[in-house]
PDB file of all heavy atoms in Angstrom:
ATOM      1  N   TYR A   1       5.093  73.304 120.086  1.00  0.00           N
ATOM      2  CA  TYR A   1       4.154  74.363 119.499  1.00  0.00           C
ATOM      3  C   TYR A   1       2.738  74.155 120.127  1.00  0.00           C
ATOM      4  O   TYR A   1       2.143  75.235 120.555  1.00  0.00           O
ATOM      5  CB  TYR A   1       4.151  74.214 118.014  1.00  0.00           C
ATOM      6  CG  TYR A   1       3.141  75.103 117.457  1.00  0.00           C
ATOM      7  CD1 TYR A   1       3.275  76.399 117.172  1.00  0.00           C
ATOM      8  CD2 TYR A   1       1.908  74.541 116.973  1.00  0.00           C
ATOM      9  CE1 TYR A   1       2.307  77.075 116.416  1.00  0.00           C
ATOM     10  CE2 TYR A   1       0.959  75.251 116.400  1.00  0.00           C
ATOM     11  CZ  TYR A   1       1.148  76.567 116.111  1.00  0.00           C
ATOM     12  OH  TYR A   1       0.071  77.343 115.581  1.00  0.00           O
ATOM     13  N   GLY A   2       2.294  73.059 120.181  1.00  0.00           N
ATOM     14  CA  GLY A   2       0.872  72.778 120.665  1.00  0.00           C
ATOM     15  C   GLY A   2       0.718  73.092 122.223  1.00  0.00           C
ATOM     16  O   GLY A   2      -0.279  73.526 122.662  1.00  0.00           O
ATOM     17  N   GLY A   3       1.903  72.933 122.943  1.00  0.00           N
ATOM     18  CA  GLY A   3       1.862  73.390 124.371  1.00  0.00           C
ATOM     19  C   GLY A   3       1.748  74.869 124.606  1.00  0.00           C
ATOM     20  O   GLY A   3       0.956  75.363 125.361  1.00  0.00           O
ATOM     21  N   GLY A   4       2.481  75.550 123.725  1.00  0.00           N
ATOM     22  CA  GLY A   4       2.400  77.050 123.611  1.00  0.00           C
ATOM     23  C   GLY A   4       0.945  77.510 123.227  1.00  0.00           C
ATOM     24  O   GLY A   4       0.387  78.378 123.895  1.00  0.00           O
ATOM     25  N   ILE A   5       0.330  76.711 122.254  1.00  0.00           N
ATOM     26  CA  ILE A   5      -0.922  77.090 121.906  1.00  0.00           C
ATOM     27  C   ILE A   5      -1.926  76.864 123.019  1.00  0.00           C
ATOM     28  O   ILE A   5      -2.987  77.539 123.118  1.00  0.00           O
ATOM     29  CB  ILE A   5      -1.384  76.214 120.612  1.00  0.00           C
ATOM     30  CG1 ILE A   5      -0.572  76.849 119.343  1.00  0.00           C
ATOM     31  CG2 ILE A   5      -2.861  76.424 120.235  1.00  0.00           C
ATOM     32  CD1 ILE A   5      -0.711  78.283 119.019  1.00  0.00           C
ATOM     33  N   SER A   6      -1.735  75.648 123.735  1.00  0.00           N
ATOM     34  CA  SER A   6      -2.600  75.359 124.855  1.00  0.00           C
ATOM     35  C   SER A   6      -2.567  76.384 125.918  1.00  0.00           C
ATOM     36  O   SER A   6      -3.674  76.924 126.441  1.00  0.00           O
ATOM     37  CB  SER A   6      -2.155  74.069 125.498  1.00  0.00           C
ATOM     38  OG  SER A   6      -2.253  72.898 124.602  1.00  0.00           O
ATOM     39  N   ASN A   7      -1.384  77.027 126.223  1.00  0.00           N
ATOM     40  CA  ASN A   7      -1.314  78.185 127.072  1.00  0.00           C
ATOM     41  C   ASN A   7      -2.061  79.305 126.530  1.00  0.00           C
ATOM     42  O   ASN A   7      -2.713  80.088 127.299  1.00  0.00           O
ATOM     43  CB  ASN A   7       0.202  78.447 127.355  1.00  0.00           C
ATOM     44  CG  ASN A   7       0.890  77.564 128.300  1.00  0.00           C
ATOM     45  OD1 ASN A   7       0.321  77.158 129.265  1.00  0.00           O
ATOM     46  ND2 ASN A   7       2.105  77.167 127.910  1.00  0.00           N
ATOM     47  N   LEU A   8      -1.895  79.678 125.282  1.00  0.00           N
ATOM     48  CA  LEU A   8      -2.517  80.690 124.637  1.00  0.00           C
ATOM     49  C   LEU A   8      -4.015  80.704 124.635  1.00  0.00           C
ATOM     50  O   LEU A   8      -4.762  81.579 124.957  1.00  0.00           O
ATOM     51  CB  LEU A   8      -2.012  80.944 123.232  1.00  0.00           C
ATOM     52  CG  LEU A   8      -2.640  82.050 122.425  1.00  0.00           C
ATOM     53  CD1 LEU A   8      -2.133  83.488 123.115  1.00  0.00           C
ATOM     54  CD2 LEU A   8      -2.180  82.031 121.027  1.00  0.00           C
ATOM     55  N   LEU A   9      -4.520  79.404 124.215  1.00  0.00           N
ATOM     56  CA  LEU A   9      -5.995  79.179 124.298  1.00  0.00           C
ATOM     57  C   LEU A   9      -6.598  79.456 125.662  1.00  0.00           C
ATOM     58  O   LEU A   9      -7.798  79.903 125.816  1.00  0.00           O
ATOM     59  CB  LEU A   9      -6.302  77.817 123.732  1.00  0.00           C
ATOM     60  CG  LEU A   9      -6.054  77.554 122.315  1.00  0.00           C
ATOM     61  CD1 LEU A   9      -6.359  76.097 121.863  1.00  0.00           C
ATOM     62  CD2 LEU A   9      -6.865  78.611 121.423  1.00  0.00           C
ATOM     63  N   ALA A  10      -5.824  79.132 126.708  1.00  0.00           N
ATOM     64  CA  ALA A  10      -6.360  79.256 128.046  1.00  0.00           C
ATOM     65  C   ALA A  10      -6.501  80.825 128.446  1.00  0.00           C
ATOM     66  O   ALA A  10      -7.446  81.127 129.113  1.00  0.00           O
ATOM     67  CB  ALA A  10      -5.378  78.699 129.153  1.00  0.00           C
ATOM     68  N   THR A  11      -5.804  81.738 127.584  1.00  0.00           N
ATOM     69  CA  THR A  11      -6.036  83.053 127.844  1.00  0.00           C
ATOM     70  C   THR A  11      -7.137  83.694 126.967  1.00  0.00           C
ATOM     71  O   THR A  11      -7.626  84.790 127.239  1.00  0.00           O
ATOM     72  CB  THR A  11      -4.693  83.824 127.490  1.00  0.00           C
ATOM     73  OG1 THR A  11      -4.504  83.810 126.097  1.00  0.00           O
ATOM     74  CG2 THR A  11      -3.561  83.396 128.266  1.00  0.00           C
ATOM     75  N   ARG A  12      -7.467  82.800 125.971  1.00  0.00           N
ATOM     76  CA  ARG A  12      -8.500  83.324 124.821  1.00  0.00           C
ATOM     77  C   ARG A  12      -9.889  82.808 125.227  1.00  0.00           C
ATOM     78  O   ARG A  12     -10.884  83.314 124.651  1.00  0.00           O
ATOM     79  CB  ARG A  12      -8.023  82.893 123.510  1.00  0.00           C
ATOM     80  CG  ARG A  12      -6.743  83.515 122.989  1.00  0.00           C
ATOM     81  CD  ARG A  12      -6.998  84.732 122.294  1.00  0.00           C
ATOM     82  NE  ARG A  12      -8.126  84.835 121.363  1.00  0.00           N
ATOM     83  CZ  ARG A  12      -8.049  84.337 120.064  1.00  0.00           C
ATOM     84  NH1 ARG A  12      -6.942  84.096 119.516  1.00  0.00           N
ATOM     85  NH2 ARG A  12      -9.207  84.479 119.370  1.00  0.00           N
ATOM     86  N   LEU A  13      -9.944  81.613 125.899  1.00  0.00           N
ATOM     87  CA  LEU A  13     -11.227  80.892 125.941  1.00  0.00           C
ATOM     88  C   LEU A  13     -11.706  80.783 127.457  1.00  0.00           C
ATOM     89  O   LEU A  13     -11.236  79.884 128.209  1.00  0.00           O
ATOM     90  CB  LEU A  13     -11.141  79.510 125.427  1.00  0.00           C
ATOM     91  CG  LEU A  13     -10.640  79.438 123.899  1.00  0.00           C
ATOM     92  CD1 LEU A  13     -10.212  78.000 123.566  1.00  0.00           C
ATOM     93  CD2 LEU A  13     -11.775  79.927 123.070  1.00  0.00           C
ATOM     94  N   PRO A  14     -12.508  81.734 127.877  1.00  0.00           N
ATOM     95  CA  PRO A  14     -12.950  81.708 129.325  1.00  0.00           C
ATOM     96  C   PRO A  14     -13.712  80.478 129.725  1.00  0.00           C
ATOM     97  O   PRO A  14     -13.887  80.182 130.851  1.00  0.00           O
ATOM     98  CB  PRO A  14     -13.904  82.949 129.468  1.00  0.00           C
ATOM     99  CG  PRO A  14     -14.261  83.192 128.022  1.00  0.00           C
ATOM    100  CD  PRO A  14     -13.213  82.789 127.140  1.00  0.00           C
ATOM    101  N   ASP A  15     -14.293  79.702 128.694  1.00  0.00           N
ATOM    102  CA  ASP A  15     -14.939  78.508 129.022  1.00  0.00           C
ATOM    103  C   ASP A  15     -14.242  77.271 128.757  1.00  0.00           C
ATOM    104  O   ASP A  15     -14.810  76.150 128.705  1.00  0.00           O
ATOM    105  CB  ASP A  15     -16.392  78.432 128.376  1.00  0.00           C
ATOM    106  CG  ASP A  15     -16.277  78.729 126.869  1.00  0.00           C
ATOM    107  OD1 ASP A  15     -15.237  79.170 126.342  1.00  0.00           O
ATOM    108  OD2 ASP A  15     -17.336  78.646 126.157  1.00  0.00           O
ATOM    109  N   LEU A  16     -12.867  77.303 128.541  1.00  0.00           N
ATOM    110  CA  LEU A  16     -12.070  76.142 128.514  1.00  0.00           C
ATOM    111  C   LEU A  16     -12.040  75.603 129.795  1.00  0.00           C
ATOM    112  O   LEU A  16     -11.852  76.164 130.822  1.00  0.00           O
ATOM    113  CB  LEU A  16     -10.659  76.502 128.091  1.00  0.00           C
ATOM    114  CG  LEU A  16      -9.579  75.472 127.890  1.00  0.00           C
ATOM    115  CD1 LEU A  16      -9.971  74.684 126.672  1.00  0.00           C
ATOM    116  CD2 LEU A  16      -8.273  76.065 127.708  1.00  0.00           C
ATOM    117  N   ALA A  17     -12.261  74.134 129.795  1.00  0.00           N
ATOM    118  CA  ALA A  17     -12.390  73.420 131.131  1.00  0.00           C
ATOM    119  C   ALA A  17     -11.136  72.980 131.702  1.00  0.00           C
ATOM    120  O   ALA A  17     -11.018  72.725 132.928  1.00  0.00           O
ATOM    121  CB  ALA A  17     -13.341  72.326 130.977  1.00  0.00           C
ATOM    122  N   ALA A  18     -10.111  72.754 130.927  1.00  0.00           N
ATOM    123  CA  ALA A  18      -8.784  72.290 131.419  1.00  0.00           C
ATOM    124  C   ALA A  18      -7.674  72.412 130.276  1.00  0.00           C
ATOM    125  O   ALA A  18      -8.106  72.309 129.168  1.00  0.00           O
ATOM    126  CB  ALA A  18      -8.871  70.891 131.865  1.00  0.00           C
ATOM    127  N   ALA A  19      -6.495  72.721 130.632  1.00  0.00           N
ATOM    128  CA  ALA A  19      -5.361  72.985 129.698  1.00  0.00           C
ATOM    129  C   ALA A  19      -4.172  72.182 130.202  1.00  0.00           C
ATOM    130  O   ALA A  19      -3.829  72.296 131.465  1.00  0.00           O
ATOM    131  CB  ALA A  19      -5.076  74.380 129.613  1.00  0.00           C
ATOM    132  N   VAL A  20      -3.686  71.293 129.214  1.00  0.00           N
ATOM    133  CA  VAL A  20      -2.340  70.535 129.586  1.00  0.00           C
ATOM    134  C   VAL A  20      -1.222  70.799 128.734  1.00  0.00           C
ATOM    135  O   VAL A  20      -1.234  70.035 127.570  1.00  0.00           O
ATOM    136  CB  VAL A  20      -2.735  68.959 129.683  1.00  0.00           C
ATOM    137  CG1 VAL A  20      -1.569  68.199 130.023  1.00  0.00           C
ATOM    138  CG2 VAL A  20      -3.972  68.754 130.638  1.00  0.00           C
ATOM    139  N   PRO A  21      -0.449  71.784 128.893  1.00  0.00           N
ATOM    140  CA  PRO A  21       0.600  72.032 127.928  1.00  0.00           C
ATOM    141  C   PRO A  21       1.782  71.197 128.304  1.00  0.00           C
ATOM    142  O   PRO A  21       2.241  71.071 129.456  1.00  0.00           O
ATOM    143  CB  PRO A  21       0.936  73.500 128.066  1.00  0.00           C
ATOM    144  CG  PRO A  21       0.387  73.838 129.454  1.00  0.00           C
ATOM    145  CD  PRO A  21      -0.711  72.817 129.673  1.00  0.00           C
ATOM    146  N   PHE A  22       2.459  70.525 127.263  1.00  0.00           N
ATOM    147  CA  PHE A  22       3.669  69.826 127.405  1.00  0.00           C
ATOM    148  C   PHE A  22       4.783  70.692 126.814  1.00  0.00           C
ATOM    149  O   PHE A  22       4.646  71.105 125.658  1.00  0.00           O
ATOM    150  CB  PHE A  22       3.733  68.477 126.581  1.00  0.00           C
ATOM    151  CG  PHE A  22       3.025  67.316 127.390  1.00  0.00           C
ATOM    152  CD1 PHE A  22       1.776  67.127 127.600  1.00  0.00           C
ATOM    153  CD2 PHE A  22       3.923  66.336 127.870  1.00  0.00           C
ATOM    154  CE1 PHE A  22       1.198  66.109 128.157  1.00  0.00           C
ATOM    155  CE2 PHE A  22       3.393  65.182 128.531  1.00  0.00           C
ATOM    156  CZ  PHE A  22       1.965  65.138 128.663  1.00  0.00           C
ATOM    157  N   TYR A  23       5.705  70.972 127.678  1.00  0.00           N
ATOM    158  CA  TYR A  23       6.907  71.908 127.180  1.00  0.00           C
ATOM    159  C   TYR A  23       6.560  72.931 126.227  1.00  0.00           C
ATOM    160  O   TYR A  23       7.027  72.984 125.078  1.00  0.00           O
ATOM    161  CB  TYR A  23       7.984  70.908 126.690  1.00  0.00           C
ATOM    162  CG  TYR A  23       7.738  69.632 126.091  1.00  0.00           C
ATOM    163  CD1 TYR A  23       7.209  69.430 124.818  1.00  0.00           C
ATOM    164  CD2 TYR A  23       7.723  68.443 126.895  1.00  0.00           C
ATOM    165  CE1 TYR A  23       6.887  68.304 124.253  1.00  0.00           C
ATOM    166  CE2 TYR A  23       7.333  67.244 126.435  1.00  0.00           C
ATOM    167  CZ  TYR A  23       7.018  67.135 125.092  1.00  0.00           C
ATOM    168  OH  TYR A  23       6.550  65.963 124.502  1.00  0.00           O
ATOM    169  N   GLY A  24       5.587  73.798 126.617  1.00  0.00           N
ATOM    170  CA  GLY A  24       5.075  74.817 125.677  1.00  0.00           C
ATOM    171  C   GLY A  24       5.503  76.184 126.282  1.00  0.00           C
ATOM    172  O   GLY A  24       5.599  76.453 127.420  1.00  0.00           O
ATOM    173  N   SER A  25       5.792  77.195 125.323  1.00  0.00           N
ATOM    174  CA  SER A  25       6.198  78.483 125.687  1.00  0.00           C
ATOM    175  C   SER A  25       5.044  79.205 126.439  1.00  0.00           C
ATOM    176  O   SER A  25       3.835  78.900 126.139  1.00  0.00           O
ATOM    177  CB  SER A  25       6.660  79.180 124.475  1.00  0.00           C
ATOM    178  OG  SER A  25       7.795  78.742 123.983  1.00  0.00           O
ATOM    179  N   ALA A  26       5.298  80.113 127.326  1.00  0.00           N
ATOM    180  CA  ALA A  26       4.324  80.932 127.971  1.00  0.00           C
ATOM    181  C   ALA A  26       3.589  81.786 127.060  1.00  0.00           C
ATOM    182  O   ALA A  26       4.115  82.189 125.997  1.00  0.00           O
ATOM    183  CB  ALA A  26       5.041  81.795 129.106  1.00  0.00           C
ATOM    184  N   PRO A  27       2.304  82.106 127.388  1.00  0.00           N
ATOM    185  CA  PRO A  27       1.504  83.029 126.628  1.00  0.00           C
ATOM    186  C   PRO A  27       1.961  84.484 127.033  1.00  0.00           C
ATOM    187  O   PRO A  27       2.732  84.563 127.960  1.00  0.00           O
ATOM    188  CB  PRO A  27       0.128  82.840 127.191  1.00  0.00           C
ATOM    189  CG  PRO A  27       0.250  82.382 128.477  1.00  0.00           C
ATOM    190  CD  PRO A  27       1.576  81.555 128.568  1.00  0.00           C
ATOM    191  N   PRO A  28       1.433  85.495 126.302  1.00  0.00           N
ATOM    192  CA  PRO A  28       1.715  86.864 126.770  1.00  0.00           C
ATOM    193  C   PRO A  28       1.490  87.051 128.085  1.00  0.00           C
ATOM    194  O   PRO A  28       0.219  86.845 128.510  1.00  0.00           O
ATOM    195  CB  PRO A  28       0.945  87.698 125.818  1.00  0.00           C
ATOM    196  CG  PRO A  28       0.782  86.947 124.579  1.00  0.00           C
ATOM    197  CD  PRO A  28       0.657  85.343 125.136  1.00  0.00           C
ATOM    198  N   LEU A  29       2.257  87.557 129.013  1.00  0.00           N
ATOM    199  CA  LEU A  29       2.023  87.625 130.350  1.00  0.00           C
ATOM    200  C   LEU A  29       0.878  88.601 130.742  1.00  0.00           C
ATOM    201  O   LEU A  29       0.171  88.285 131.767  1.00  0.00           O
ATOM    202  CB  LEU A  29       3.337  88.027 131.165  1.00  0.00           C
ATOM    203  CG  LEU A  29       4.579  87.090 131.081  1.00  0.00           C
ATOM    204  CD1 LEU A  29       5.596  87.563 131.873  1.00  0.00           C
ATOM    205  CD2 LEU A  29       4.090  85.663 131.454  1.00  0.00           C
ATOM    206  N   GLU A  30       0.676  89.654 129.938  1.00  0.00           N
ATOM    207  CA  GLU A  30      -0.418  90.394 130.227  1.00  0.00           C
ATOM    208  C   GLU A  30      -1.759  89.843 130.064  1.00  0.00           C
ATOM    209  O   GLU A  30      -2.772  90.351 130.606  1.00  0.00           O
ATOM    210  CB  GLU A  30      -0.330  91.703 129.339  1.00  0.00           C
ATOM    211  CG  GLU A  30      -0.583  91.462 127.812  1.00  0.00           C
ATOM    212  CD  GLU A  30       0.666  91.175 127.138  1.00  0.00           C
ATOM    213  OE1 GLU A  30       1.701  90.811 127.822  1.00  0.00           O
ATOM    214  OE2 GLU A  30       0.657  91.223 125.902  1.00  0.00           O
ATOM    215  N   LEU A  31      -1.796  88.678 129.388  1.00  0.00           N
ATOM    216  CA  LEU A  31      -3.016  87.945 129.135  1.00  0.00           C
ATOM    217  C   LEU A  31      -3.389  86.915 130.287  1.00  0.00           C
ATOM    218  O   LEU A  31      -4.517  86.318 130.265  1.00  0.00           O
ATOM    219  CB  LEU A  31      -3.062  87.250 127.838  1.00  0.00           C
ATOM    220  CG  LEU A  31      -2.926  88.268 126.676  1.00  0.00           C
ATOM    221  CD1 LEU A  31      -3.074  87.397 125.231  1.00  0.00           C
ATOM    222  CD2 LEU A  31      -4.068  89.254 126.602  1.00  0.00           C
ATOM    223  N   VAL A  32      -2.392  86.648 131.013  1.00  0.00           N
ATOM    224  CA  VAL A  32      -2.491  85.550 132.097  1.00  0.00           C
ATOM    225  C   VAL A  32      -3.751  85.801 133.063  1.00  0.00           C
ATOM    226  O   VAL A  32      -4.504  84.810 133.303  1.00  0.00           O
ATOM    227  CB  VAL A  32      -1.248  85.321 132.909  1.00  0.00           C
ATOM    228  CG1 VAL A  32      -1.372  84.468 134.090  1.00  0.00           C
ATOM    229  CG2 VAL A  32      -0.067  84.816 131.871  1.00  0.00           C
ATOM    230  N   PRO A  33      -4.008  87.067 133.430  1.00  0.00           N
ATOM    231  CA  PRO A  33      -5.243  87.196 134.294  1.00  0.00           C
ATOM    232  C   PRO A  33      -6.620  86.704 133.645  1.00  0.00           C
ATOM    233  O   PRO A  33      -7.461  86.595 134.383  1.00  0.00           O
ATOM    234  CB  PRO A  33      -5.216  88.684 134.569  1.00  0.00           C
ATOM    235  CG  PRO A  33      -3.748  89.035 134.503  1.00  0.00           C
ATOM    236  CD  PRO A  33      -3.282  88.309 133.315  1.00  0.00           C
ATOM    237  N   ASN A  34      -6.435  86.614 132.393  1.00  0.00           N
ATOM    238  CA  ASN A  34      -7.754  86.215 131.602  1.00  0.00           C
ATOM    239  C   ASN A  34      -8.007  84.693 131.820  1.00  0.00           C
ATOM    240  O   ASN A  34      -9.225  84.208 131.455  1.00  0.00           O
ATOM    241  CB  ASN A  34      -7.627  86.378 130.123  1.00  0.00           C
ATOM    242  CG  ASN A  34      -7.538  87.880 129.796  1.00  0.00           C
ATOM    243  OD1 ASN A  34      -7.900  88.785 130.598  1.00  0.00           O
ATOM    244  ND2 ASN A  34      -7.034  88.263 128.536  1.00  0.00           N
ATOM    245  N   ILE A  35      -7.050  83.913 132.181  1.00  0.00           N
ATOM    246  CA  ILE A  35      -7.141  82.415 132.458  1.00  0.00           C
ATOM    247  C   ILE A  35      -8.318  81.970 133.369  1.00  0.00           C
ATOM    248  O   ILE A  35      -8.212  82.528 134.513  1.00  0.00           O
ATOM    249  CB  ILE A  35      -5.840  81.789 132.693  1.00  0.00           C
ATOM    250  CG1 ILE A  35      -4.856  82.034 131.634  1.00  0.00           C
ATOM    251  CG2 ILE A  35      -5.921  80.280 132.861  1.00  0.00           C
ATOM    252  CD1 ILE A  35      -3.468  81.523 131.903  1.00  0.00           C
ATOM    253  N   LYS A  36      -9.200  81.209 133.021  1.00  0.00           N
ATOM    254  CA  LYS A  36     -10.139  80.718 133.948  1.00  0.00           C
ATOM    255  C   LYS A  36     -10.027  79.220 134.173  1.00  0.00           C
ATOM    256  O   LYS A  36     -10.626  78.565 135.066  1.00  0.00           O
ATOM    257  CB  LYS A  36     -11.624  80.962 133.267  1.00  0.00           C
ATOM    258  CG  LYS A  36     -11.910  82.469 133.101  1.00  0.00           C
ATOM    259  CD  LYS A  36     -11.767  83.265 134.267  1.00  0.00           C
ATOM    260  CE  LYS A  36     -11.954  84.750 133.904  1.00  0.00           C
ATOM    261  NZ  LYS A  36     -11.792  85.720 135.118  1.00  0.00           N
ATOM    262  N   SER A  37      -9.332  78.445 133.259  1.00  0.00           N
ATOM    263  CA  SER A  37      -9.127  77.081 133.400  1.00  0.00           C
ATOM    264  C   SER A  37      -8.053  76.595 134.269  1.00  0.00           C
ATOM    265  O   SER A  37      -7.015  77.268 134.311  1.00  0.00           O
ATOM    266  CB  SER A  37      -9.115  76.515 131.948  1.00  0.00           C
ATOM    267  OG  SER A  37      -7.905  76.842 131.492  1.00  0.00           O
ATOM    268  N   PRO A  38      -8.219  75.471 134.959  1.00  0.00           N
ATOM    269  CA  PRO A  38      -6.986  74.951 135.618  1.00  0.00           C
ATOM    270  C   PRO A  38      -6.007  74.576 134.605  1.00  0.00           C
ATOM    271  O   PRO A  38      -6.238  74.102 133.594  1.00  0.00           O
ATOM    272  CB  PRO A  38      -7.537  73.810 136.469  1.00  0.00           C
ATOM    273  CG  PRO A  38      -8.740  73.349 135.749  1.00  0.00           C
ATOM    274  CD  PRO A  38      -9.407  74.656 134.982  1.00  0.00           C
ATOM    275  N   LEU A  39      -4.734  74.505 135.106  1.00  0.00           N
ATOM    276  CA  LEU A  39      -3.567  74.082 134.167  1.00  0.00           C
ATOM    277  C   LEU A  39      -2.779  73.045 134.834  1.00  0.00           C
ATOM    278  O   LEU A  39      -2.618  73.011 136.031  1.00  0.00           O
ATOM    279  CB  LEU A  39      -2.622  75.434 133.998  1.00  0.00           C
ATOM    280  CG  LEU A  39      -3.288  76.660 133.440  1.00  0.00           C
ATOM    281  CD1 LEU A  39      -2.221  77.726 133.530  1.00  0.00           C
ATOM    282  CD2 LEU A  39      -3.631  76.442 131.960  1.00  0.00           C
ATOM    283  N   LEU A  40      -2.392  72.120 134.011  1.00  0.00           N
ATOM    284  CA  LEU A  40      -1.389  70.966 134.349  1.00  0.00           C
ATOM    285  C   LEU A  40      -0.310  71.184 133.270  1.00  0.00           C
ATOM    286  O   LEU A  40      -0.472  70.957 132.218  1.00  0.00           O
ATOM    287  CB  LEU A  40      -2.105  69.679 134.287  1.00  0.00           C
ATOM    288  CG  LEU A  40      -1.076  68.450 134.429  1.00  0.00           C
ATOM    289  CD1 LEU A  40      -0.472  68.454 135.891  1.00  0.00           C
ATOM    290  CD2 LEU A  40      -1.790  67.065 134.242  1.00  0.00           C
ATOM    291  N   ILE A  41       0.846  71.610 133.750  1.00  0.00           N
ATOM    292  CA  ILE A  41       1.986  71.976 132.923  1.00  0.00           C
ATOM    293  C   ILE A  41       3.108  71.022 133.086  1.00  0.00           C
ATOM    294  O   ILE A  41       3.653  70.768 134.294  1.00  0.00           O
ATOM    295  CB  ILE A  41       2.321  73.495 133.322  1.00  0.00           C
ATOM    296  CG1 ILE A  41       1.100  74.272 133.243  1.00  0.00           C
ATOM    297  CG2 ILE A  41       3.395  73.948 132.258  1.00  0.00           C
ATOM    298  CD1 ILE A  41       1.538  75.841 133.667  1.00  0.00           C
ATOM    299  N   HIS A  42       3.657  70.467 132.017  1.00  0.00           N
ATOM    300  CA  HIS A  42       4.757  69.473 132.049  1.00  0.00           C
ATOM    301  C   HIS A  42       5.825  70.096 131.272  1.00  0.00           C
ATOM    302  O   HIS A  42       5.825  70.746 130.257  1.00  0.00           O
ATOM    303  CB  HIS A  42       4.296  68.322 131.146  1.00  0.00           C
ATOM    304  CG  HIS A  42       3.146  67.541 131.771  1.00  0.00           C
ATOM    305  ND1 HIS A  42       3.051  67.002 132.919  1.00  0.00           N
ATOM    306  CD2 HIS A  42       1.942  67.315 131.171  1.00  0.00           C
ATOM    307  CE1 HIS A  42       1.857  66.421 133.224  1.00  0.00           C
ATOM    308  NE2 HIS A  42       1.144  66.590 132.014  1.00  0.00           N
ATOM    309  N   PHE A  43       7.067  69.948 132.066  1.00  0.00           N
ATOM    310  CA  PHE A  43       8.386  70.568 131.570  1.00  0.00           C
ATOM    311  C   PHE A  43       9.336  69.361 131.517  1.00  0.00           C
ATOM    312  O   PHE A  43       9.358  68.570 132.314  1.00  0.00           O
ATOM    313  CB  PHE A  43       8.880  71.671 132.339  1.00  0.00           C
ATOM    314  CG  PHE A  43       8.032  72.994 132.282  1.00  0.00           C
ATOM    315  CD1 PHE A  43       7.264  73.216 133.453  1.00  0.00           C
ATOM    316  CD2 PHE A  43       8.111  73.782 131.248  1.00  0.00           C
ATOM    317  CE1 PHE A  43       6.500  74.386 133.328  1.00  0.00           C
ATOM    318  CE2 PHE A  43       7.366  74.918 131.271  1.00  0.00           C
ATOM    319  CZ  PHE A  43       6.550  75.249 132.287  1.00  0.00           C
ATOM    320  N   ALA A  44      10.330  69.543 130.528  1.00  0.00           N
ATOM    321  CA  ALA A  44      11.487  68.687 130.491  1.00  0.00           C
ATOM    322  C   ALA A  44      12.620  69.507 131.266  1.00  0.00           C
ATOM    323  O   ALA A  44      12.688  70.574 131.108  1.00  0.00           O
ATOM    324  CB  ALA A  44      11.908  68.432 128.989  1.00  0.00           C
TER     325      ALA A  44
END
């Protein structure tokens, strides 16, 4: 759940400095262009 929230916060917070979601669901795809922070994404 927190991985999904990490993805979502990246779309909501333009001054987020880094996001590291572990096995989190994707955010709404239409919001992805809003992302300003680099992402490190972990999947099982």
